[in-house]
């Protein structure tokens, strides 16, 4: 009975070594980051219609608009998060590069059409 358990554990560790141990963006849930940092303005559906959207001119970006996904989207999102984009202020406390990747991956999978 011990040998199958040891082989299973060895397989898990080997898989983590080959595929990359879960850390950074893998361990951080992009949906949770989006929910905590972005949803109030950009909305749960990424349509720019969050609860606070009425307070901004221009309104928050809609991630459901195909025009948003033109160009270098990874840089566009990272720059908005780290530097802000009028009227959006930079995210505080700052997100790590892995957290930015996690939220960018979540946005791409959820809102890009």
PDB file of N, CA and C in Angstrom:
ATOM      1  N   UNK A   1       0.814  -1.205   0.000  1.00  0.00           N
ATOM      2  CA  UNK A   1       0.000   0.000   0.000  1.00  0.00           C
ATOM      3  C   UNK A   1       0.853   1.262   0.000  1.00  0.00           C
ATOM      4  N   UNK A   2       2.009   1.206   0.624  1.00  0.00           N
ATOM      5  CA  UNK A   2       2.857   2.399   0.699  1.00  0.00           C
ATOM      6  C   UNK A   2       3.456   2.751  -0.650  1.00  0.00           C
ATOM      7  N   UNK A   3       3.820   1.739  -1.437  1.00  0.00           N
ATOM      8  CA  UNK A   3       4.466   2.016  -2.713  1.00  0.00           C
ATOM      9  C   UNK A   3       3.572   2.809  -3.654  1.00  0.00           C
ATOM     10  N   UNK A   4       2.275   2.475  -3.815  1.00  0.00           N
ATOM     11  CA  UNK A   4       1.429   3.286  -4.702  1.00  0.00           C
ATOM     12  C   UNK A   4       1.320   4.740  -4.242  1.00  0.00           C
ATOM     13  N   UNK A   5       1.258   4.944  -2.934  1.00  0.00           N
ATOM     14  CA  UNK A   5       1.180   6.311  -2.409  1.00  0.00           C
ATOM     15  C   UNK A   5       2.472   7.062  -2.714  1.00  0.00           C
ATOM     16  N   UNK A   6       3.597   6.405  -2.503  1.00  0.00           N
ATOM     17  CA  UNK A   6       4.884   7.051  -2.790  1.00  0.00           C
ATOM     18  C   UNK A   6       5.022   7.366  -4.281  1.00  0.00           C
ATOM     19  N   UNK A   7       4.581   6.447  -5.137  1.00  0.00           N
ATOM     20  CA  UNK A   7       4.645   6.693  -6.582  1.00  0.00           C
ATOM     21  C   UNK A   7       3.733   7.860  -6.973  1.00  0.00           C
ATOM     22  N   UNK A   8       2.568   7.918  -6.353  1.00  0.00           N
ATOM     23  CA  UNK A   8       1.644   9.021  -6.646  1.00  0.00           C
ATOM     24  C   UNK A   8       2.249  10.353  -6.222  1.00  0.00           C
ATOM     25  N   UNK A   9       2.872  10.380  -5.045  1.00  0.00           N
ATOM     26  CA  UNK A   9       3.510  11.616  -4.571  1.00  0.00           C
ATOM     27  C   UNK A   9       4.663  12.001  -5.486  1.00  0.00           C
ATOM     28  N   UNK A  10       5.445  11.014  -5.911  1.00  0.00           N
ATOM     29  CA  UNK A  10       6.560  11.291  -6.820  1.00  0.00           C
ATOM     30  C   UNK A  10       6.032  11.866  -8.131  1.00  0.00           C
ATOM     31  N   UNK A  11       4.912  11.345  -8.623  1.00  0.00           N
ATOM     32  CA  UNK A  11       4.314  11.857  -9.854  1.00  0.00           C
ATOM     33  C   UNK A  11       3.866  13.297  -9.720  1.00  0.00           C
ATOM     34  N   UNK A  12       3.293  13.640  -8.569  1.00  0.00           N
ATOM     35  CA  UNK A  12       2.861  15.023  -8.331  1.00  0.00           C
ATOM     36  C   UNK A  12       4.068  15.954  -8.348  1.00  0.00           C
ATOM     37  N   UNK A  13       5.119  15.592  -7.639  1.00  0.00           N
ATOM     38  CA  UNK A  13       6.306  16.444  -7.593  1.00  0.00           C
ATOM     39  C   UNK A  13       6.990  16.540  -8.959  1.00  0.00           C
ATOM     40  N   UNK A  14       7.049  15.436  -9.679  1.00  0.00           N
ATOM     41  CA  UNK A  14       7.644  15.450 -11.008  1.00  0.00           C
ATOM     42  C   UNK A  14       6.816  16.323 -11.946  1.00  0.00           C
ATOM     43  N   UNK A  15       5.501  16.190 -11.866  1.00  0.00           N
ATOM     44  CA  UNK A  15       4.632  17.021 -12.694  1.00  0.00           C
ATOM     45  C   UNK A  15       4.813  18.495 -12.401  1.00  0.00           C
ATOM     46  N   UNK A  16       4.943  18.833 -11.116  1.00  0.00           N
ATOM     47  CA  UNK A  16       5.159  20.232 -10.742  1.00  0.00           C
ATOM     48  C   UNK A  16       6.490  20.730 -11.271  1.00  0.00           C
ATOM     49  N   UNK A  17       7.510  19.878 -11.242  1.00  0.00           N
ATOM     50  CA  UNK A  17       8.819  20.281 -11.743  1.00  0.00           C
ATOM     51  C   UNK A  17       8.801  20.490 -13.252  1.00  0.00           C
ATOM     52  N   UNK A  18       8.087  19.628 -13.966  1.00  0.00           N
ATOM     53  CA  UNK A  18       8.043  19.720 -15.425  1.00  0.00           C
ATOM     54  C   UNK A  18       7.151  20.871 -15.879  1.00  0.00           C
ATOM     55  N   UNK A  19       5.987  20.999 -15.280  1.00  0.00           N
ATOM     56  CA  UNK A  19       5.019  22.008 -15.713  1.00  0.00           C
ATOM     57  C   UNK A  19       5.199  23.349 -15.018  1.00  0.00           C
ATOM     58  N   UNK A  20       5.951  23.364 -13.970  1.00  0.00           N
ATOM     59  CA  UNK A  20       6.126  24.584 -13.199  1.00  0.00           C
ATOM     60  C   UNK A  20       5.311  24.486 -11.926  1.00  0.00           C
ATOM     61  N   UNK A  21       5.948  24.738 -10.842  1.00  0.00           N
ATOM     62  CA  UNK A  21       5.242  24.669  -9.564  1.00  0.00           C
ATOM     63  C   UNK A  21       4.207  25.777  -9.507  1.00  0.00           C
ATOM     64  N   UNK A  22       3.067  25.500  -8.866  1.00  0.00           N
ATOM     65  CA  UNK A  22       2.048  26.529  -8.787  1.00  0.00           C
ATOM     66  C   UNK A  22       2.526  27.704  -7.942  1.00  0.00           C
ATOM     67  N   UNK A  23       2.695  28.832  -8.571  1.00  0.00           N
ATOM     68  CA  UNK A  23       3.111  30.050  -7.883  1.00  0.00           C
ATOM     69  C   UNK A  23       2.638  31.226  -8.705  1.00  0.00           C
ATOM     70  N   UNK A  24       2.792  32.396  -8.171  1.00  0.00           N
ATOM     71  CA  UNK A  24       2.457  33.606  -8.912  1.00  0.00           C
ATOM     72  C   UNK A  24       1.085  33.547  -9.534  1.00  0.00           C
ATOM     73  N   UNK A  25       1.053  33.705 -10.864  1.00  0.00           N
ATOM     74  CA  UNK A  25      -0.216  33.764 -11.588  1.00  0.00           C
ATOM     75  C   UNK A  25      -1.005  32.477 -11.453  1.00  0.00           C
ATOM     76  N   UNK A  26      -0.296  31.336 -11.328  1.00  0.00           N
ATOM     77  CA  UNK A  26      -1.022  30.065 -11.201  1.00  0.00           C
ATOM     78  C   UNK A  26      -1.728  29.998  -9.859  1.00  0.00           C
ATOM     79  N   UNK A  27      -1.056  30.426  -8.814  1.00  0.00           N
ATOM     80  CA  UNK A  27      -1.636  30.340  -7.484  1.00  0.00           C
ATOM     81  C   UNK A  27      -2.638  31.472  -7.245  1.00  0.00           C
ATOM     82  N   UNK A  28      -2.446  32.582  -7.910  1.00  0.00           N
ATOM     83  CA  UNK A  28      -3.333  33.733  -7.747  1.00  0.00           C
ATOM     84  C   UNK A  28      -4.492  33.608  -8.713  1.00  0.00           C
ATOM     85  N   UNK A  29      -5.673  33.770  -8.235  1.00  0.00           N
ATOM     86  CA  UNK A  29      -6.851  33.633  -9.067  1.00  0.00           C
ATOM     87  C   UNK A  29      -7.183  34.978  -9.702  1.00  0.00           C
ATOM     88  N   UNK A  30      -7.034  35.068 -11.022  1.00  0.00           N
ATOM     89  CA  UNK A  30      -7.316  36.310 -11.741  1.00  0.00           C
ATOM     90  C   UNK A  30      -8.731  36.800 -11.542  1.00  0.00           C
ATOM     91  N   UNK A  31      -9.673  35.874 -11.407  1.00  0.00           N
ATOM     92  CA  UNK A  31     -11.064  36.270 -11.178  1.00  0.00           C
ATOM     93  C   UNK A  31     -11.209  36.978  -9.837  1.00  0.00           C
ATOM     94  N   UNK A  32     -10.518  36.489  -8.831  1.00  0.00           N
ATOM     95  CA  UNK A  32     -10.571  37.129  -7.511  1.00  0.00           C
ATOM     96  C   UNK A  32      -9.943  38.519  -7.554  1.00  0.00           C
ATOM     97  N   UNK A  33      -8.832  38.654  -8.254  1.00  0.00           N
ATOM     98  CA  UNK A  33      -8.189  39.965  -8.366  1.00  0.00           C
ATOM     99  C   UNK A  33      -9.124  40.920  -9.090  1.00  0.00           C
ATOM    100  N   UNK A  34      -9.698  40.478 -10.208  1.00  0.00           N
ATOM    101  CA  UNK A  34     -10.631  41.311 -10.958  1.00  0.00           C
ATOM    102  C   UNK A  34     -11.798  41.724 -10.057  1.00  0.00           C
ATOM    103  N   UNK A  35     -12.330  40.770  -9.308  1.00  0.00           N
ATOM    104  CA  UNK A  35     -13.450  41.059  -8.416  1.00  0.00           C
ATOM    105  C   UNK A  35     -13.104  42.084  -7.346  1.00  0.00           C
ATOM    106  N   UNK A  36     -11.892  42.012  -6.831  1.00  0.00           N
ATOM    107  CA  UNK A  36     -11.473  42.910  -5.757  1.00  0.00           C
ATOM    108  C   UNK A  36     -11.031  44.279  -6.258  1.00  0.00           C
ATOM    109  N   UNK A  37     -10.434  44.333  -7.442  1.00  0.00           N
ATOM    110  CA  UNK A  37      -9.800  45.573  -7.897  1.00  0.00           C
ATOM    111  C   UNK A  37     -10.479  46.256  -9.076  1.00  0.00           C
ATOM    112  N   UNK A  38     -11.274  45.525  -9.856  1.00  0.00           N
ATOM    113  CA  UNK A  38     -11.749  46.065 -11.133  1.00  0.00           C
ATOM    114  C   UNK A  38     -13.269  46.132 -11.271  1.00  0.00           C
ATOM    115  N   UNK A  39     -13.966  45.201 -10.634  1.00  0.00           N
ATOM    116  CA  UNK A  39     -15.396  45.035 -10.891  1.00  0.00           C
ATOM    117  C   UNK A  39     -16.227  46.265 -10.515  1.00  0.00           C
ATOM    118  N   UNK A  40     -15.819  47.017  -9.502  1.00  0.00           N
ATOM    119  CA  UNK A  40     -16.615  48.171  -9.070  1.00  0.00           C
ATOM    120  C   UNK A  40     -16.795  49.188 -10.184  1.00  0.00           C
ATOM    121  N   UNK A  41     -15.810  49.318 -11.048  1.00  0.00           N
ATOM    122  CA  UNK A  41     -15.898  50.278 -12.148  1.00  0.00           C
ATOM    123  C   UNK A  41     -16.190  49.600 -13.493  1.00  0.00           C
ATOM    124  N   UNK A  42     -15.479  48.520 -13.775  1.00  0.00           N
ATOM    125  CA  UNK A  42     -15.593  47.875 -15.084  1.00  0.00           C
ATOM    126  C   UNK A  42     -16.735  46.865 -15.164  1.00  0.00           C
ATOM    127  N   UNK A  43     -17.324  46.517 -14.039  1.00  0.00           N
ATOM    128  CA  UNK A  43     -18.482  45.640 -14.026  1.00  0.00           C
ATOM    129  C   UNK A  43     -18.123  44.169 -14.010  1.00  0.00           C
ATOM    130  N   UNK A  44     -19.031  43.393 -13.484  1.00  0.00           N
ATOM    131  CA  UNK A  44     -18.840  41.943 -13.397  1.00  0.00           C
ATOM    132  C   UNK A  44     -18.712  41.311 -14.771  1.00  0.00           C
ATOM    133  N   UNK A  45     -19.386  41.887 -15.748  1.00  0.00           N
ATOM    134  CA  UNK A  45     -19.355  41.367 -17.114  1.00  0.00           C
ATOM    135  C   UNK A  45     -18.303  42.061 -17.983  1.00  0.00           C
ATOM    136  N   UNK A  46     -17.490  42.938 -17.385  1.00  0.00           N
ATOM    137  CA  UNK A  46     -16.448  43.636 -18.131  1.00  0.00           C
ATOM    138  C   UNK A  46     -16.974  44.677 -19.097  1.00  0.00           C
ATOM    139  N   UNK A  47     -18.232  45.075 -18.937  1.00  0.00           N
ATOM    140  CA  UNK A  47     -18.873  45.986 -19.882  1.00  0.00           C
ATOM    141  C   UNK A  47     -18.720  47.462 -19.530  1.00  0.00           C
ATOM    142  N   UNK A  48     -17.943  47.768 -18.484  1.00  0.00           N
ATOM    143  CA  UNK A  48     -17.744  49.153 -18.082  1.00  0.00           C
ATOM    144  C   UNK A  48     -18.921  49.726 -17.316  1.00  0.00           C
ATOM    145  N   UNK A  49     -19.796  48.856 -16.822  1.00  0.00           N
ATOM    146  CA  UNK A  49     -21.001  49.310 -16.133  1.00  0.00           C
ATOM    147  C   UNK A  49     -21.029  48.850 -14.681  1.00  0.00           C
ATOM    148  N   UNK A  50     -19.907  49.058 -14.007  1.00  0.00           N
ATOM    149  CA  UNK A  50     -19.844  48.719 -12.592  1.00  0.00           C
ATOM    150  C   UNK A  50     -20.608  49.732 -11.763  1.00  0.00           C
ATOM    151  N   UNK A  51     -20.739  49.463 -10.486  1.00  0.00           N
ATOM    152  CA  UNK A  51     -21.512  50.316  -9.584  1.00  0.00           C
ATOM    153  C   UNK A  51     -20.984  51.751  -9.539  1.00  0.00           C
ATOM    154  N   UNK A  52     -19.693  51.945  -9.737  1.00  0.00           N
ATOM    155  CA  UNK A  52     -19.108  53.287  -9.660  1.00  0.00           C
ATOM    156  C   UNK A  52     -18.963  53.967 -11.016  1.00  0.00           C
ATOM    157  N   UNK A  53     -19.401  53.332 -12.090  1.00  0.00           N
ATOM    158  CA  UNK A  53     -19.132  53.857 -13.433  1.00  0.00           C
ATOM    159  C   UNK A  53     -19.753  55.227 -13.667  1.00  0.00           C
ATOM    160  N   UNK A  54     -20.829  55.558 -12.983  1.00  0.00           N
ATOM    161  CA  UNK A  54     -21.494  56.847 -13.187  1.00  0.00           C
ATOM    162  C   UNK A  54     -20.649  58.019 -12.707  1.00  0.00           C
ATOM    163  N   UNK A  55     -19.626  57.721 -11.897  1.00  0.00           N
ATOM    164  CA  UNK A  55     -18.782  58.767 -11.332  1.00  0.00           C
ATOM    165  C   UNK A  55     -17.638  59.180 -12.250  1.00  0.00           C
ATOM    166  N   UNK A  56     -17.510  58.553 -13.416  1.00  0.00           N
ATOM    167  CA  UNK A  56     -16.341  58.799 -14.249  1.00  0.00           C
ATOM    168  C   UNK A  56     -16.706  59.358 -15.620  1.00  0.00           C
ATOM    169  N   UNK A  57     -15.894  60.305 -16.050  1.00  0.00           N
ATOM    170  CA  UNK A  57     -16.001  60.852 -17.398  1.00  0.00           C
ATOM    171  C   UNK A  57     -14.578  61.039 -17.910  1.00  0.00           C
ATOM    172  N   UNK A  58     -14.145  60.265 -18.863  1.00  0.00           N
ATOM    173  CA  UNK A  58     -14.875  59.267 -19.635  1.00  0.00           C
ATOM    174  C   UNK A  58     -15.195  58.047 -18.780  1.00  0.00           C
ATOM    175  N   UNK A  59     -16.183  57.258 -19.203  1.00  0.00           N
ATOM    176  CA  UNK A  59     -16.553  56.056 -18.452  1.00  0.00           C
ATOM    177  C   UNK A  59     -15.456  54.995 -18.522  1.00  0.00           C
ATOM    178  N   UNK A  60     -15.518  54.030 -17.615  1.00  0.00           N
ATOM    179  CA  UNK A  60     -14.522  52.944 -17.642  1.00  0.00           C
ATOM    180  C   UNK A  60     -14.568  52.184 -18.974  1.00  0.00           C
ATOM    181  N   UNK A  61     -13.427  51.644 -19.364  1.00  0.00           N
ATOM    182  CA  UNK A  61     -13.345  50.856 -20.600  1.00  0.00           C
ATOM    183  C   UNK A  61     -14.265  49.653 -20.526  1.00  0.00           C
ATOM    184  N   UNK A  62     -14.842  49.312 -21.662  1.00  0.00           N
ATOM    185  CA  UNK A  62     -15.623  48.092 -21.789  1.00  0.00           C
ATOM    186  C   UNK A  62     -14.734  47.029 -22.406  1.00  0.00           C
ATOM    187  N   UNK A  63     -14.516  45.956 -21.669  1.00  0.00           N
ATOM    188  CA  UNK A  63     -13.684  44.866 -22.158  1.00  0.00           C
ATOM    189  C   UNK A  63     -14.454  43.953 -23.104  1.00  0.00           C
ATOM    190  N   UNK A  64     -15.737  44.250 -23.303  1.00  0.00           N
ATOM    191  CA  UNK A  64     -16.544  43.485 -24.253  1.00  0.00           C
ATOM    192  C   UNK A  64     -16.524  44.119 -25.642  1.00  0.00           C
ATOM    193  N   UNK A  65     -15.944  45.306 -25.744  1.00  0.00           N
ATOM    194  CA  UNK A  65     -15.828  46.005 -27.022  1.00  0.00           C
ATOM    195  C   UNK A  65     -14.620  45.441 -27.781  1.00  0.00           C
ATOM    196  N   UNK A  66     -14.833  44.907 -28.989  1.00  0.00           N
ATOM    197  CA  UNK A  66     -13.709  44.350 -29.749  1.00  0.00           C
ATOM    198  C   UNK A  66     -12.567  45.353 -29.961  1.00  0.00           C
ATOM    199  N   UNK A  67     -12.873  46.642 -29.992  1.00  0.00           N
ATOM    200  CA  UNK A  67     -11.827  47.655 -30.166  1.00  0.00           C
ATOM    201  C   UNK A  67     -10.838  47.645 -29.008  1.00  0.00           C
ATOM    202  N   UNK A  68     -11.295  47.280 -27.814  1.00  0.00           N
ATOM    203  CA  UNK A  68     -10.392  47.226 -26.669  1.00  0.00           C
ATOM    204  C   UNK A  68      -9.264  46.235 -26.905  1.00  0.00           C
ATOM    205  N   UNK A  69      -9.544  45.164 -27.620  1.00  0.00           N
ATOM    206  CA  UNK A  69      -8.592  44.063 -27.793  1.00  0.00           C
ATOM    207  C   UNK A  69      -7.637  44.279 -28.962  1.00  0.00           C
ATOM    208  N   UNK A  70      -7.607  45.465 -29.533  1.00  0.00           N
ATOM    209  CA  UNK A  70      -6.670  45.782 -30.614  1.00  0.00           C
ATOM    210  C   UNK A  70      -5.312  46.157 -30.027  1.00  0.00           C
ATOM    211  N   UNK A  71      -4.250  45.847 -30.732  1.00  0.00           N
ATOM    212  CA  UNK A  71      -2.905  46.220 -30.305  1.00  0.00           C
ATOM    213  C   UNK A  71      -2.369  45.302 -29.220  1.00  0.00           C
ATOM    214  N   UNK A  72      -1.381  45.794 -28.493  1.00  0.00           N
ATOM    215  CA  UNK A  72      -0.716  45.024 -27.442  1.00  0.00           C
ATOM    216  C   UNK A  72      -1.538  45.112 -26.156  1.00  0.00           C
ATOM    217  N   UNK A  73      -2.495  44.219 -26.032  1.00  0.00           N
ATOM    218  CA  UNK A  73      -3.437  44.251 -24.915  1.00  0.00           C
ATOM    219  C   UNK A  73      -2.741  43.991 -23.586  1.00  0.00           C
ATOM    220  N   UNK A  74      -1.771  43.091 -23.564  1.00  0.00           N
ATOM    221  CA  UNK A  74      -1.059  42.814 -22.315  1.00  0.00           C
ATOM    222  C   UNK A  74      -0.407  44.078 -21.780  1.00  0.00           C
ATOM    223  N   UNK A  75       0.223  44.842 -22.645  1.00  0.00           N
ATOM    224  CA  UNK A  75       0.855  46.096 -22.232  1.00  0.00           C
ATOM    225  C   UNK A  75      -0.198  47.123 -21.843  1.00  0.00           C
ATOM    226  N   UNK A  76      -1.278  47.196 -22.600  1.00  0.00           N
ATOM    227  CA  UNK A  76      -2.348  48.150 -22.316  1.00  0.00           C
ATOM    228  C   UNK A  76      -2.910  47.913 -20.916  1.00  0.00           C
ATOM    229  N   UNK A  77      -3.185  46.656 -20.581  1.00  0.00           N
ATOM    230  CA  UNK A  77      -3.736  46.332 -19.270  1.00  0.00           C
ATOM    231  C   UNK A  77      -2.699  46.578 -18.178  1.00  0.00           C
ATOM    232  N   UNK A  78      -1.471  46.126 -18.394  1.00  0.00           N
ATOM    233  CA  UNK A  78      -0.417  46.318 -17.398  1.00  0.00           C
ATOM    234  C   UNK A  78      -0.184  47.801 -17.128  1.00  0.00           C
ATOM    235  N   UNK A  79      -0.142  48.615 -18.187  1.00  0.00           N
ATOM    236  CA  UNK A  79       0.068  50.052 -18.009  1.00  0.00           C
ATOM    237  C   UNK A  79      -1.081  50.698 -17.236  1.00  0.00           C
ATOM    238  N   UNK A  80      -2.317  50.308 -17.541  1.00  0.00           N
ATOM    239  CA  UNK A  80      -3.467  50.869 -16.829  1.00  0.00           C
ATOM    240  C   UNK A  80      -3.415  50.489 -15.348  1.00  0.00           C
ATOM    241  N   UNK A  81      -3.024  49.254 -15.062  1.00  0.00           N
ATOM    242  CA  UNK A  81      -2.951  48.797 -13.670  1.00  0.00           C
ATOM    243  C   UNK A  81      -1.836  49.511 -12.920  1.00  0.00           C
ATOM    244  N   UNK A  82      -0.672  49.653 -13.538  1.00  0.00           N
ATOM    245  CA  UNK A  82       0.494  50.200 -12.832  1.00  0.00           C
ATOM    246  C   UNK A  82       0.582  51.720 -12.880  1.00  0.00           C
ATOM    247  N   UNK A  83       0.084  52.331 -13.976  1.00  0.00           N
ATOM    248  CA  UNK A  83       0.231  53.777 -14.139  1.00  0.00           C
ATOM    249  C   UNK A  83      -1.097  54.535 -14.088  1.00  0.00           C
ATOM    250  N   UNK A  84      -2.187  53.792 -14.224  1.00  0.00           N
ATOM    251  CA  UNK A  84      -3.492  54.432 -14.288  1.00  0.00           C
ATOM    252  C   UNK A  84      -3.801  54.857 -15.713  1.00  0.00           C
ATOM    253  N   UNK A  85      -5.036  55.250 -15.923  1.00  0.00           N
ATOM    254  CA  UNK A  85      -5.489  55.731 -17.230  1.00  0.00           C
ATOM    255  C   UNK A  85      -6.681  56.626 -16.947  1.00  0.00           C
ATOM    256  N   UNK A  86      -6.535  57.915 -17.201  1.00  0.00           N
ATOM    257  CA  UNK A  86      -7.558  58.872 -16.785  1.00  0.00           C
ATOM    258  C   UNK A  86      -8.955  58.382 -17.076  1.00  0.00           C
ATOM    259  N   UNK A  87      -9.822  58.440 -16.118  1.00  0.00           N
ATOM    260  CA  UNK A  87      -9.665  58.921 -14.745  1.00  0.00           C
ATOM    261  C   UNK A  87      -9.215  57.840 -13.755  1.00  0.00           C
ATOM    262  N   UNK A  88      -8.891  56.650 -14.238  1.00  0.00           N
ATOM    263  CA  UNK A  88      -8.477  55.550 -13.363  1.00  0.00           C
ATOM    264  C   UNK A  88      -7.115  55.836 -12.741  1.00  0.00           C
ATOM    265  N   UNK A  89      -7.027  55.608 -11.451  1.00  0.00           N
ATOM    266  CA  UNK A  89      -5.765  55.738 -10.732  1.00  0.00           C
ATOM    267  C   UNK A  89      -5.034  54.390 -10.773  1.00  0.00           C
ATOM    268  N   UNK A  90      -3.713  54.385 -10.584  1.00  0.00           N
ATOM    269  CA  UNK A  90      -2.996  53.105 -10.505  1.00  0.00           C
ATOM    270  C   UNK A  90      -3.554  52.256  -9.365  1.00  0.00           C
ATOM    271  N   UNK A  91      -3.525  50.943  -9.540  1.00  0.00           N
ATOM    272  CA  UNK A  91      -4.010  50.026  -8.512  1.00  0.00           C
ATOM    273  C   UNK A  91      -3.062  50.072  -7.316  1.00  0.00           C
ATOM    274  N   UNK A  92      -3.622  50.226  -6.137  1.00  0.00           N
ATOM    275  CA  UNK A  92      -2.850  50.235  -4.891  1.00  0.00           C
ATOM    276  C   UNK A  92      -3.453  49.222  -3.947  1.00  0.00           C
ATOM    277  N   UNK A  93      -2.676  48.448  -3.225  1.00  0.00           N
ATOM    278  CA  UNK A  93      -1.238  48.318  -3.417  1.00  0.00           C
ATOM    279  C   UNK A  93      -0.955  47.725  -4.794  1.00  0.00           C
ATOM    280  N   UNK A  94       0.239  48.011  -5.308  1.00  0.00           N
ATOM    281  CA  UNK A  94       0.569  47.539  -6.664  1.00  0.00           C
ATOM    282  C   UNK A  94       0.466  46.026  -6.800  1.00  0.00           C
ATOM    283  N   UNK A  95       0.007  45.591  -7.958  1.00  0.00           N
ATOM    284  CA  UNK A  95      -0.033  44.163  -8.252  1.00  0.00           C
ATOM    285  C   UNK A  95       1.342  43.704  -8.722  1.00  0.00           C
ATOM    286  N   UNK A  96       1.664  42.470  -8.441  1.00  0.00           N
ATOM    287  CA  UNK A  96       2.913  41.885  -8.920  1.00  0.00           C
ATOM    288  C   UNK A  96       2.755  41.560 -10.411  1.00  0.00           C
ATOM    289  N   UNK A  97       3.851  41.351 -11.121  1.00  0.00           N
ATOM    290  CA  UNK A  97       3.731  40.927 -12.523  1.00  0.00           C
ATOM    291  C   UNK A  97       2.905  39.651 -12.689  1.00  0.00           C
ATOM    292  N   UNK A  98       3.041  38.697 -11.763  1.00  0.00           N
ATOM    293  CA  UNK A  98       2.250  37.470 -11.850  1.00  0.00           C
ATOM    294  C   UNK A  98       0.765  37.743 -11.634  1.00  0.00           C
ATOM    295  N   UNK A  99       0.438  38.661 -10.749  1.00  0.00           N
ATOM    296  CA  UNK A  99      -0.964  39.019 -10.519  1.00  0.00           C
ATOM    297  C   UNK A  99      -1.541  39.736 -11.738  1.00  0.00           C
ATOM    298  N   UNK A 100      -0.740  40.603 -12.357  1.00  0.00           N
ATOM    299  CA  UNK A 100      -1.185  41.286 -13.577  1.00  0.00           C
ATOM    300  C   UNK A 100      -1.443  40.263 -14.672  1.00  0.00           C
ATOM    301  N   UNK A 101      -0.555  39.281 -14.804  1.00  0.00           N
ATOM    302  CA  UNK A 101      -0.759  38.230 -15.800  1.00  0.00           C
ATOM    303  C   UNK A 101      -2.028  37.437 -15.500  1.00  0.00           C
ATOM    304  N   UNK A 102      -2.260  37.128 -14.239  1.00  0.00           N
ATOM    305  CA  UNK A 102      -3.449  36.361 -13.855  1.00  0.00           C
ATOM    306  C   UNK A 102      -4.723  37.118 -14.212  1.00  0.00           C
ATOM    307  N   UNK A 103      -4.780  38.406 -13.899  1.00  0.00           N
ATOM    308  CA  UNK A 103      -5.991  39.167 -14.196  1.00  0.00           C
ATOM    309  C   UNK A 103      -6.135  39.380 -15.703  1.00  0.00           C
ATOM    310  N   UNK A 104      -5.029  39.563 -16.405  1.00  0.00           N
ATOM    311  CA  UNK A 104      -5.074  39.708 -17.865  1.00  0.00           C
ATOM    312  C   UNK A 104      -5.585  38.421 -18.507  1.00  0.00           C
ATOM    313  N   UNK A 105      -5.096  37.282 -18.037  1.00  0.00           N
ATOM    314  CA  UNK A 105      -5.578  35.992 -18.549  1.00  0.00           C
ATOM    315  C   UNK A 105      -7.068  35.824 -18.286  1.00  0.00           C
ATOM    316  N   UNK A 106      -7.506  36.187 -17.084  1.00  0.00           N
ATOM    317  CA  UNK A 106      -8.932  36.087 -16.750  1.00  0.00           C
ATOM    318  C   UNK A 106      -9.760  36.986 -17.666  1.00  0.00           C
ATOM    319  N   UNK A 107      -9.329  38.220 -17.858  1.00  0.00           N
ATOM    320  CA  UNK A 107     -10.068  39.154 -18.713  1.00  0.00           C
ATOM    321  C   UNK A 107     -10.141  38.644 -20.145  1.00  0.00           C
ATOM    322  N   UNK A 108      -9.036  38.132 -20.647  1.00  0.00           N
ATOM    323  CA  UNK A 108      -8.995  37.627 -22.023  1.00  0.00           C
ATOM    324  C   UNK A 108      -9.962  36.463 -22.194  1.00  0.00           C
ATOM    325  N   UNK A 109      -9.934  35.539 -21.269  1.00  0.00           N
ATOM    326  CA  UNK A 109     -10.807  34.367 -21.361  1.00  0.00           C
ATOM    327  C   UNK A 109     -12.271  34.714 -21.133  1.00  0.00           C
ATOM    328  N   UNK A 110     -12.523  35.740 -20.332  1.00  0.00           N
ATOM    329  CA  UNK A 110     -13.906  36.058 -19.969  1.00  0.00           C
ATOM    330  C   UNK A 110     -14.586  37.069 -20.881  1.00  0.00           C
ATOM    331  N   UNK A 111     -13.836  38.034 -21.405  1.00  0.00           N
ATOM    332  CA  UNK A 111     -14.474  39.163 -22.068  1.00  0.00           C
ATOM    333  C   UNK A 111     -14.148  39.319 -23.552  1.00  0.00           C
ATOM    334  N   UNK A 112     -13.044  38.758 -24.003  1.00  0.00           N
ATOM    335  CA  UNK A 112     -12.655  38.913 -25.403  1.00  0.00           C
ATOM    336  C   UNK A 112     -13.577  38.112 -26.289  1.00  0.00           C
ATOM    337  N   UNK A 113     -14.093  38.755 -27.320  1.00  0.00           N
ATOM    338  CA  UNK A 113     -15.022  38.061 -28.220  1.00  0.00           C
ATOM    339  C   UNK A 113     -14.391  37.858 -29.561  1.00  0.00           C
TER     340      UNK A 113
END
